[in-house]
Amino acid sequence: MEIYYYIGLFASIVGLTQQLPQIYKIIKTKSARDLSYGTIFLITINQIFWFIYAVSINNRIYIINSVGHFIIDVTELTLKFYYDRKTEAEIILN
C-alpha cells in the first residue's frame, strides 16, 4: 500500500476523534446550549455528500470516515436536542 493510504487513515482517525471532547462536554455539563442546530445540520449534510462521493469512487477510507463522522454528528445532534428539551422543561416547571 502507498504511504498516502496510511496518511488518509491517520487523518480519518484524527478527524473522527475531534468531536469526541465536545460530546463528552455535553454529557458532563448536561447542556448543549452553545451549539448551533444549523452548524450541526450542515456538518451532517456534508458527511452525507462525502459518503455519496466515497461510494462513487469506491474509496474505503472516505466511506469509513464519512460514516463515522455521520454517527458522531447524529449523536451530537441527538444530545443537543435532548438537553435543550430537558432545559426547556425545567424552565417551564420552575
N, C-alpha and C. Protein backbone atom coordinates (compact mmCIF):
# COMPACT_ATOMS: atom_id res chain seq x y z
N MET A 1 0.83 -1.18 0.00
CA MET A 1 0.00 0.00 0.00
C MET A 1 0.87 1.24 0.00
N GLU A 2 0.33 2.26 -0.58
CA GLU A 2 1.05 3.52 -0.65
C GLU A 2 1.05 4.22 0.71
N ILE A 3 2.01 5.09 0.88
CA ILE A 3 2.10 5.89 2.11
C ILE A 3 0.86 6.76 2.26
N TYR A 4 0.27 7.17 1.14
CA TYR A 4 -0.90 8.05 1.19
C TYR A 4 -2.11 7.34 1.78
N TYR A 5 -2.17 6.04 1.65
CA TYR A 5 -3.24 5.27 2.28
C TYR A 5 -3.17 5.43 3.80
N TYR A 6 -1.97 5.32 4.35
CA TYR A 6 -1.80 5.44 5.80
C TYR A 6 -1.99 6.88 6.27
N ILE A 7 -1.59 7.83 5.45
CA ILE A 7 -1.84 9.23 5.79
C ILE A 7 -3.34 9.49 5.84
N GLY A 8 -4.06 8.97 4.85
CA GLY A 8 -5.53 9.11 4.84
C GLY A 8 -6.17 8.43 6.02
N LEU A 9 -5.68 7.25 6.36
CA LEU A 9 -6.21 6.52 7.52
C LEU A 9 -5.96 7.30 8.80
N PHE A 10 -4.78 7.82 8.97
CA PHE A 10 -4.44 8.61 10.15
C PHE A 10 -5.30 9.88 10.21
N ALA A 11 -5.46 10.55 9.07
CA ALA A 11 -6.30 11.75 9.03
C ALA A 11 -7.73 11.43 9.41
N SER A 12 -8.23 10.27 8.98
CA SER A 12 -9.59 9.86 9.33
C SER A 12 -9.73 9.64 10.83
N ILE A 13 -8.76 8.99 11.41
CA ILE A 13 -8.80 8.72 12.86
C ILE A 13 -8.77 10.02 13.65
N VAL A 14 -7.86 10.93 13.27
CA VAL A 14 -7.78 12.22 13.96
C VAL A 14 -9.08 13.00 13.77
N GLY A 15 -9.59 13.00 12.55
CA GLY A 15 -10.83 13.71 12.26
C GLY A 15 -12.01 13.17 13.05
N LEU A 16 -12.06 11.84 13.18
CA LEU A 16 -13.16 11.23 13.92
C LEU A 16 -13.11 11.55 15.41
N THR A 17 -11.92 11.71 15.93
CA THR A 17 -11.80 11.98 17.37
C THR A 17 -11.96 13.46 17.72
N GLN A 18 -11.98 14.34 16.72
CA GLN A 18 -12.00 15.77 17.03
C GLN A 18 -13.30 16.23 17.70
N GLN A 19 -14.40 15.54 17.48
CA GLN A 19 -15.66 15.96 18.10
C GLN A 19 -15.96 15.22 19.40
N LEU A 20 -15.18 14.22 19.73
CA LEU A 20 -15.44 13.46 20.95
C LEU A 20 -15.33 14.32 22.22
N PRO A 21 -14.36 15.24 22.32
CA PRO A 21 -14.34 16.11 23.52
C PRO A 21 -15.61 16.95 23.65
N GLN A 22 -16.17 17.37 22.52
CA GLN A 22 -17.41 18.16 22.56
C GLN A 22 -18.56 17.30 23.08
N ILE A 23 -18.66 16.08 22.60
CA ILE A 23 -19.71 15.17 23.07
C ILE A 23 -19.53 14.88 24.56
N TYR A 24 -18.29 14.67 24.98
CA TYR A 24 -18.00 14.44 26.40
C TYR A 24 -18.45 15.64 27.24
N LYS A 25 -18.16 16.85 26.75
CA LYS A 25 -18.54 18.06 27.49
C LYS A 25 -20.06 18.19 27.57
N ILE A 26 -20.76 17.88 26.50
CA ILE A 26 -22.22 17.94 26.52
C ILE A 26 -22.77 17.00 27.58
N ILE A 27 -22.27 15.78 27.61
CA ILE A 27 -22.75 14.78 28.58
C ILE A 27 -22.39 15.21 30.00
N LYS A 28 -21.17 15.69 30.20
CA LYS A 28 -20.72 16.08 31.54
C LYS A 28 -21.49 17.28 32.08
N THR A 29 -21.69 18.30 31.24
CA THR A 29 -22.37 19.51 31.71
C THR A 29 -23.89 19.43 31.56
N LYS A 30 -24.35 18.41 30.84
CA LYS A 30 -25.78 18.23 30.57
C LYS A 30 -26.37 19.47 29.88
N SER A 31 -25.57 20.05 28.98
CA SER A 31 -26.01 21.24 28.27
C SER A 31 -25.32 21.30 26.91
N ALA A 32 -26.09 21.72 25.91
CA ALA A 32 -25.54 21.94 24.58
C ALA A 32 -26.06 23.27 24.04
N ARG A 33 -26.37 24.15 24.95
CA ARG A 33 -26.96 25.44 24.58
C ARG A 33 -26.08 26.26 23.65
N ASP A 34 -24.78 26.15 23.79
CA ASP A 34 -23.86 26.95 22.99
C ASP A 34 -23.69 26.44 21.56
N LEU A 35 -24.19 25.25 21.28
CA LEU A 35 -24.06 24.68 19.94
C LEU A 35 -25.23 25.12 19.07
N SER A 36 -24.96 25.27 17.79
CA SER A 36 -25.97 25.71 16.84
C SER A 36 -26.54 24.52 16.09
N TYR A 37 -27.89 24.44 16.04
CA TYR A 37 -28.53 23.39 15.25
C TYR A 37 -28.11 23.51 13.78
N GLY A 38 -28.03 24.73 13.29
CA GLY A 38 -27.67 24.94 11.89
C GLY A 38 -26.30 24.39 11.55
N THR A 39 -25.34 24.63 12.41
CA THR A 39 -23.99 24.14 12.18
C THR A 39 -23.95 22.62 12.20
N ILE A 40 -24.56 22.02 13.19
CA ILE A 40 -24.58 20.56 13.28
C ILE A 40 -25.29 19.97 12.07
N PHE A 41 -26.38 20.58 11.64
CA PHE A 41 -27.12 20.10 10.49
C PHE A 41 -26.26 20.19 9.22
N LEU A 42 -25.57 21.31 9.02
CA LEU A 42 -24.71 21.45 7.84
C LEU A 42 -23.56 20.45 7.84
N ILE A 43 -22.97 20.22 8.99
CA ILE A 43 -21.90 19.24 9.10
C ILE A 43 -22.42 17.85 8.76
N THR A 44 -23.61 17.52 9.23
CA THR A 44 -24.21 16.22 8.95
C THR A 44 -24.50 16.06 7.46
N ILE A 45 -25.06 17.09 6.83
CA ILE A 45 -25.33 17.05 5.39
C ILE A 45 -24.01 16.90 4.62
N ASN A 46 -22.98 17.59 5.07
CA ASN A 46 -21.67 17.48 4.45
C ASN A 46 -21.18 16.02 4.45
N GLN A 47 -21.38 15.34 5.56
CA GLN A 47 -20.93 13.95 5.65
C GLN A 47 -21.73 13.04 4.73
N ILE A 48 -22.99 13.35 4.54
CA ILE A 48 -23.80 12.57 3.59
C ILE A 48 -23.23 12.72 2.18
N PHE A 49 -22.88 13.95 1.80
CA PHE A 49 -22.29 14.16 0.48
C PHE A 49 -20.92 13.49 0.35
N TRP A 50 -20.13 13.53 1.42
CA TRP A 50 -18.85 12.82 1.38
C TRP A 50 -19.06 11.33 1.21
N PHE A 51 -20.08 10.78 1.86
CA PHE A 51 -20.38 9.36 1.73
C PHE A 51 -20.75 9.02 0.29
N ILE A 52 -21.62 9.83 -0.31
CA ILE A 52 -22.01 9.61 -1.70
C ILE A 52 -20.78 9.66 -2.60
N TYR A 53 -19.94 10.64 -2.39
CA TYR A 53 -18.71 10.76 -3.18
C TYR A 53 -17.82 9.54 -2.97
N ALA A 54 -17.63 9.13 -1.72
CA ALA A 54 -16.76 7.99 -1.41
C ALA A 54 -17.24 6.71 -2.07
N VAL A 55 -18.54 6.51 -2.03
CA VAL A 55 -19.10 5.31 -2.67
C VAL A 55 -18.91 5.39 -4.19
N SER A 56 -19.09 6.58 -4.74
CA SER A 56 -18.98 6.73 -6.20
C SER A 56 -17.56 6.46 -6.70
N ILE A 57 -16.54 6.77 -5.89
CA ILE A 57 -15.16 6.49 -6.30
C ILE A 57 -14.62 5.22 -5.65
N ASN A 58 -15.47 4.57 -4.85
CA ASN A 58 -15.12 3.31 -4.19
C ASN A 58 -13.85 3.45 -3.33
N ASN A 59 -13.85 4.47 -2.46
CA ASN A 59 -12.71 4.72 -1.58
C ASN A 59 -13.09 4.33 -0.16
N ARG A 60 -12.49 3.27 0.30
CA ARG A 60 -12.82 2.70 1.62
C ARG A 60 -12.56 3.69 2.76
N ILE A 61 -11.46 4.41 2.71
CA ILE A 61 -11.15 5.35 3.80
C ILE A 61 -12.20 6.44 3.88
N TYR A 62 -12.58 7.02 2.75
CA TYR A 62 -13.61 8.05 2.75
C TYR A 62 -14.95 7.51 3.23
N ILE A 63 -15.26 6.28 2.85
CA ILE A 63 -16.53 5.68 3.28
C ILE A 63 -16.55 5.53 4.80
N ILE A 64 -15.49 4.93 5.34
CA ILE A 64 -15.41 4.74 6.80
C ILE A 64 -15.43 6.09 7.51
N ASN A 65 -14.68 7.03 6.99
CA ASN A 65 -14.61 8.36 7.59
C ASN A 65 -15.97 9.05 7.59
N SER A 66 -16.66 9.02 6.46
CA SER A 66 -17.95 9.72 6.38
C SER A 66 -19.00 9.05 7.25
N VAL A 67 -19.00 7.73 7.30
CA VAL A 67 -19.96 7.02 8.17
C VAL A 67 -19.66 7.32 9.64
N GLY A 68 -18.39 7.29 10.01
CA GLY A 68 -18.01 7.60 11.39
C GLY A 68 -18.39 9.00 11.79
N HIS A 69 -18.10 9.96 10.92
CA HIS A 69 -18.48 11.35 11.20
C HIS A 69 -19.99 11.50 11.27
N PHE A 70 -20.70 10.84 10.41
CA PHE A 70 -22.15 10.91 10.42
C PHE A 70 -22.70 10.41 11.76
N ILE A 71 -22.18 9.30 12.24
CA ILE A 71 -22.62 8.75 13.53
C ILE A 71 -22.33 9.73 14.66
N ILE A 72 -21.14 10.31 14.65
CA ILE A 72 -20.77 11.28 15.68
C ILE A 72 -21.64 12.52 15.59
N ASP A 73 -21.89 13.00 14.37
CA ASP A 73 -22.72 14.19 14.19
C ASP A 73 -24.16 13.95 14.64
N VAL A 74 -24.71 12.79 14.32
CA VAL A 74 -26.07 12.47 14.75
C VAL A 74 -26.12 12.33 16.27
N THR A 75 -25.08 11.77 16.86
CA THR A 75 -25.00 11.68 18.32
C THR A 75 -25.01 13.07 18.94
N GLU A 76 -24.20 13.96 18.39
CA GLU A 76 -24.15 15.33 18.89
C GLU A 76 -25.50 16.03 18.72
N LEU A 77 -26.13 15.85 17.58
CA LEU A 77 -27.44 16.44 17.33
C LEU A 77 -28.49 15.89 18.30
N THR A 78 -28.46 14.60 18.54
CA THR A 78 -29.40 13.96 19.46
C THR A 78 -29.20 14.48 20.88
N LEU A 79 -27.93 14.58 21.31
CA LEU A 79 -27.65 15.11 22.65
C LEU A 79 -28.11 16.55 22.78
N LYS A 80 -27.87 17.36 21.75
CA LYS A 80 -28.31 18.76 21.80
C LYS A 80 -29.82 18.83 21.92
N PHE A 81 -30.51 18.07 21.10
CA PHE A 81 -31.97 18.07 21.14
C PHE A 81 -32.46 17.62 22.52
N TYR A 82 -31.88 16.55 23.05
CA TYR A 82 -32.30 16.01 24.35
C TYR A 82 -32.08 17.04 25.46
N TYR A 83 -30.87 17.59 25.55
CA TYR A 83 -30.59 18.51 26.66
C TYR A 83 -31.29 19.86 26.49
N ASP A 84 -31.50 20.31 25.24
CA ASP A 84 -32.27 21.53 25.04
C ASP A 84 -33.71 21.35 25.49
N ARG A 85 -34.31 20.23 25.16
CA ARG A 85 -35.70 19.94 25.58
C ARG A 85 -35.78 19.78 27.09
N LYS A 86 -34.78 19.12 27.67
CA LYS A 86 -34.77 18.93 29.12
C LYS A 86 -34.67 20.28 29.84
N THR A 87 -33.83 21.17 29.33
CA THR A 87 -33.68 22.51 29.91
C THR A 87 -34.98 23.30 29.79
N GLU A 88 -35.62 23.22 28.62
CA GLU A 88 -36.89 23.92 28.43
C GLU A 88 -37.95 23.40 29.41
N ALA A 89 -38.00 22.10 29.61
CA ALA A 89 -38.96 21.51 30.53
C ALA A 89 -38.70 21.97 31.97
N GLU A 90 -37.43 22.05 32.35
CA GLU A 90 -37.09 22.51 33.70
C GLU A 90 -37.48 23.97 33.90
N ILE A 91 -37.31 24.79 32.87
CA ILE A 91 -37.67 26.20 32.96
C ILE A 91 -39.19 26.33 33.12
N ILE A 92 -39.95 25.55 32.36
CA ILE A 92 -41.41 25.61 32.43
C ILE A 92 -41.91 25.15 33.80
N LEU A 93 -41.28 24.11 34.36
CA LEU A 93 -41.71 23.59 35.65
C LEU A 93 -41.37 24.54 36.80
N ASN A 94 -40.36 25.36 36.62
CA ASN A 94 -39.97 26.28 37.70
C ASN A 94 -40.74 27.52 37.55
